[in-house]
Amino acid sequence: MSDRQDDFLRQTKTTLDEAEQQVDGATQARLSVVRREALAAVGRSRRSPWLLPASGLAVAATVAILTVSLWQVSPSVDSLAALEDIALLSDEADPEFYADLEFYAWIAEGAPTEDDNG
């Protein structure tokens, strides 16, 4: 660390130590009680060692069941039509474009021009 950082850390430690010495007795007693309660709560909140493997097994079973059930279900015609509708509605193209789709297909095939008519 640089000298500036060392000086800053030393000054910060000194300031905090001085502030700690100025805390009154009632506040120190309350802080001690809260600290003991927090440490006791940490000891009580230990989870059972079997909980992690059991939850992992439950997740794996759920994934396996969903995979098998989705694999065996074939998409119906109605769901495919709904997907096409969603694709059309979410497209950025103007909906009028789809109304005149046959016209655009006719142009793409090579609509007759004035040169073709003579």
C-alpha atoms as a PDB file:
ATOM      1  CA  MET A   1       0.000   0.000   0.000  1.00  0.00           C
ATOM      2  CA  SER A   2       1.061   3.541  -0.508  1.00  0.00           C
ATOM      3  CA  ASP A   3       1.970   5.882   2.322  1.00  0.00           C
ATOM      4  CA  ARG A   4      -1.258   7.865   1.806  1.00  0.00           C
ATOM      5  CA  GLN A   5      -3.341   4.733   2.230  1.00  0.00           C
ATOM      6  CA  ASP A   6      -1.382   3.716   5.332  1.00  0.00           C
ATOM      7  CA  ASP A   7      -1.865   7.165   6.849  1.00  0.00           C
ATOM      8  CA  PHE A   8      -5.586   7.073   6.033  1.00  0.00           C
ATOM      9  CA  LEU A   9      -5.999   3.630   7.611  1.00  0.00           C
ATOM     10  CA  ARG A  10      -4.063   4.662  10.717  1.00  0.00           C
ATOM     11  CA  GLN A  11      -6.154   7.830  11.096  1.00  0.00           C
ATOM     12  CA  THR A  12      -9.399   5.911  10.555  1.00  0.00           C
ATOM     13  CA  LYS A  13      -8.437   3.328  13.181  1.00  0.00           C
ATOM     14  CA  THR A  14      -7.565   6.057  15.660  1.00  0.00           C
ATOM     15  CA  THR A  15     -10.883   7.851  15.043  1.00  0.00           C
ATOM     16  CA  LEU A  16     -12.898   4.661  15.458  1.00  0.00           C
ATOM     17  CA  ASP A  17     -11.023   3.678  18.629  1.00  0.00           C
ATOM     18  CA  GLU A  18     -11.709   7.120  20.111  1.00  0.00           C
ATOM     19  CA  ALA A  19     -15.398   6.885  19.172  1.00  0.00           C
ATOM     20  CA  GLU A  20     -15.575   3.457  20.827  1.00  0.00           C
ATOM     21  CA  GLN A  21     -14.182   4.883  24.076  1.00  0.00           C
ATOM     22  CA  GLN A  22     -16.885   7.581  24.069  1.00  0.00           C
ATOM     23  CA  VAL A  23     -19.846   5.137  23.936  1.00  0.00           C
ATOM     24  CA  ASP A  24     -21.810   5.242  27.201  1.00  0.00           C
ATOM     25  CA  GLY A  25     -22.316   2.193  29.427  1.00  0.00           C
ATOM     26  CA  ALA A  26     -25.999   1.643  28.551  1.00  0.00           C
ATOM     27  CA  THR A  27     -25.231   1.542  24.828  1.00  0.00           C
ATOM     28  CA  GLN A  28     -22.320  -0.854  25.418  1.00  0.00           C
ATOM     29  CA  ALA A  29     -24.558  -3.151  27.466  1.00  0.00           C
ATOM     30  CA  ARG A  30     -27.263  -3.124  24.778  1.00  0.00           C
ATOM     31  CA  LEU A  31     -24.678  -3.851  22.055  1.00  0.00           C
ATOM     32  CA  SER A  32     -23.366  -6.784  24.082  1.00  0.00           C
ATOM     33  CA  VAL A  33     -26.874  -8.218  24.466  1.00  0.00           C
ATOM     34  CA  VAL A  34     -27.602  -7.836  20.742  1.00  0.00           C
ATOM     35  CA  ARG A  35     -24.241  -9.431  19.873  1.00  0.00           C
ATOM     36  CA  ARG A  36     -24.940 -12.449  22.109  1.00  0.00           C
ATOM     37  CA  GLU A  37     -28.419 -12.836  20.570  1.00  0.00           C
ATOM     38  CA  ALA A  38     -26.967 -12.702  17.060  1.00  0.00           C
ATOM     39  CA  LEU A  39     -24.324 -15.307  17.879  1.00  0.00           C
ATOM     40  CA  ALA A  40     -26.960 -17.563  19.448  1.00  0.00           C
ATOM     41  CA  ALA A  41     -29.185 -17.221  16.366  1.00  0.00           C
ATOM     42  CA  VAL A  42     -26.318 -18.310  14.117  1.00  0.00           C
ATOM     43  CA  GLY A  43     -25.922 -21.498  16.152  1.00  0.00           C
ATOM     44  CA  ARG A  44     -29.662 -22.278  15.973  1.00  0.00           C
ATOM     45  CA  SER A  45     -30.026 -21.689  12.249  1.00  0.00           C
ATOM     46  CA  ARG A  46     -27.785 -24.548  11.194  1.00  0.00           C
ATOM     47  CA  ARG A  47     -29.538 -26.623   8.551  1.00  0.00           C
ATOM     48  CA  SER A  48     -29.727 -30.362   8.597  1.00  0.00           C
ATOM     49  CA  PRO A  49     -26.975 -32.026   6.572  1.00  0.00           C
ATOM     50  CA  TRP A  50     -29.507 -34.134   4.663  1.00  0.00           C
ATOM     51  CA  LEU A  51     -31.455 -31.114   3.399  1.00  0.00           C
ATOM     52  CA  LEU A  52     -29.104 -30.237   0.517  1.00  0.00           C
ATOM     53  CA  PRO A  53     -28.957 -33.747  -1.032  1.00  0.00           C
ATOM     54  CA  ALA A  54     -32.724 -34.173  -0.602  1.00  0.00           C
ATOM     55  CA  SER A  55     -33.496 -30.884  -2.333  1.00  0.00           C
ATOM     56  CA  GLY A  56     -31.053 -31.742  -5.127  1.00  0.00           C
ATOM     57  CA  LEU A  57     -32.764 -35.075  -5.614  1.00  0.00           C
ATOM     58  CA  ALA A  58     -36.178 -33.389  -5.728  1.00  0.00           C
ATOM     59  CA  VAL A  59     -34.990 -30.936  -8.388  1.00  0.00           C
ATOM     60  CA  ALA A  60     -33.459 -33.734 -10.474  1.00  0.00           C
ATOM     61  CA  ALA A  61     -36.678 -35.773 -10.281  1.00  0.00           C
ATOM     62  CA  THR A  62     -38.767 -32.768 -11.316  1.00  0.00           C
ATOM     63  CA  VAL A  63     -36.523 -32.062 -14.309  1.00  0.00           C
ATOM     64  CA  ALA A  64     -36.627 -35.723 -15.355  1.00  0.00           C
ATOM     65  CA  ILE A  65     -40.435 -35.867 -15.149  1.00  0.00           C
ATOM     66  CA  LEU A  66     -40.838 -32.634 -17.123  1.00  0.00           C
ATOM     67  CA  THR A  67     -38.371 -33.792 -19.762  1.00  0.00           C
ATOM     68  CA  VAL A  68     -40.124 -37.114 -20.296  1.00  0.00           C
ATOM     69  CA  SER A  69     -43.603 -35.592 -20.317  1.00  0.00           C
ATOM     70  CA  LEU A  70     -42.649 -32.841 -22.776  1.00  0.00           C
ATOM     71  CA  TRP A  71     -40.830 -35.301 -24.987  1.00  0.00           C
ATOM     72  CA  GLN A  72     -43.881 -37.550 -25.323  1.00  0.00           C
ATOM     73  CA  VAL A  73     -46.345 -34.752 -26.120  1.00  0.00           C
ATOM     74  CA  SER A  74     -46.446 -33.824 -29.807  1.00  0.00           C
ATOM     75  CA  PRO A  75     -47.484 -30.287 -30.705  1.00  0.00           C
ATOM     76  CA  SER A  76     -51.045 -29.999 -31.911  1.00  0.00           C
ATOM     77  CA  VAL A  77     -52.109 -28.184 -35.075  1.00  0.00           C
ATOM     78  CA  ASP A  78     -53.873 -25.527 -32.985  1.00  0.00           C
ATOM     79  CA  SER A  79     -50.717 -24.702 -31.062  1.00  0.00           C
ATOM     80  CA  LEU A  80     -48.718 -24.389 -34.295  1.00  0.00           C
ATOM     81  CA  ALA A  81     -51.352 -22.025 -35.725  1.00  0.00           C
ATOM     82  CA  ALA A  82     -51.202 -19.975 -32.540  1.00  0.00           C
ATOM     83  CA  LEU A  83     -47.423 -19.765 -32.848  1.00  0.00           C
ATOM     84  CA  GLU A  84     -47.754 -18.525 -36.421  1.00  0.00           C
ATOM     85  CA  ASP A  85     -50.261 -15.900 -35.288  1.00  0.00           C
ATOM     86  CA  ILE A  86     -47.902 -14.765 -32.546  1.00  0.00           C
ATOM     87  CA  ALA A  87     -45.066 -14.524 -35.055  1.00  0.00           C
ATOM     88  CA  LEU A  88     -47.207 -12.409 -37.381  1.00  0.00           C
ATOM     89  CA  LEU A  89     -48.383 -10.114 -34.600  1.00  0.00           C
ATOM     90  CA  SER A  90     -44.912  -9.619 -33.169  1.00  0.00           C
ATOM     91  CA  ASP A  91     -43.388  -8.854 -36.558  1.00  0.00           C
ATOM     92  CA  GLU A  92     -42.357  -5.261 -37.198  1.00  0.00           C
ATOM     93  CA  ALA A  93     -43.882  -5.300 -40.682  1.00  0.00           C
ATOM     94  CA  ASP A  94     -47.105  -3.416 -41.261  1.00  0.00           C
ATOM     95  CA  PRO A  95     -50.190  -5.684 -40.950  1.00  0.00           C
ATOM     96  CA  GLU A  96     -51.326  -4.340 -44.336  1.00  0.00           C
ATOM     97  CA  PHE A  97     -48.345  -6.181 -45.784  1.00  0.00           C
ATOM     98  CA  TYR A  98     -49.915  -9.509 -44.898  1.00  0.00           C
ATOM     99  CA  ALA A  99     -53.275  -8.466 -46.342  1.00  0.00           C
ATOM    100  CA  ASP A 100     -51.614  -7.931 -49.740  1.00  0.00           C
ATOM    101  CA  LEU A 101     -49.342 -10.960 -49.533  1.00  0.00           C
ATOM    102  CA  GLU A 102     -50.729 -12.510 -52.740  1.00  0.00           C
ATOM    103  CA  PHE A 103     -49.959  -9.282 -54.606  1.00  0.00           C
ATOM    104  CA  TYR A 104     -46.348  -9.321 -53.407  1.00  0.00           C
ATOM    105  CA  ALA A 105     -46.036 -12.987 -54.416  1.00  0.00           C
ATOM    106  CA  TRP A 106     -47.381 -12.124 -57.876  1.00  0.00           C
ATOM    107  CA  ILE A 107     -44.793  -9.344 -58.220  1.00  0.00           C
ATOM    108  CA  ALA A 108     -42.044 -11.698 -57.079  1.00  0.00           C
ATOM    109  CA  GLU A 109     -43.045 -14.221 -59.784  1.00  0.00           C
ATOM    110  CA  GLY A 110     -42.467 -11.568 -62.385  1.00  0.00           C
ATOM    111  CA  ALA A 111     -45.545  -9.491 -63.079  1.00  0.00           C
ATOM    112  CA  PRO A 112     -45.997  -8.493 -66.732  1.00  0.00           C
ATOM    113  CA  THR A 113     -44.590  -5.053 -67.552  1.00  0.00           C
ATOM    114  CA  GLU A 114     -45.375  -2.637 -70.379  1.00  0.00           C
ATOM    115  CA  ASP A 115     -42.450  -4.058 -72.348  1.00  0.00           C
ATOM    116  CA  ASP A 116     -44.070  -7.525 -72.210  1.00  0.00           C
ATOM    117  CA  ASN A 117     -47.367  -6.202 -73.661  1.00  0.00           C
ATOM    118  CA  GLY A 118     -45.819  -4.784 -76.685  1.00  0.00           C
END
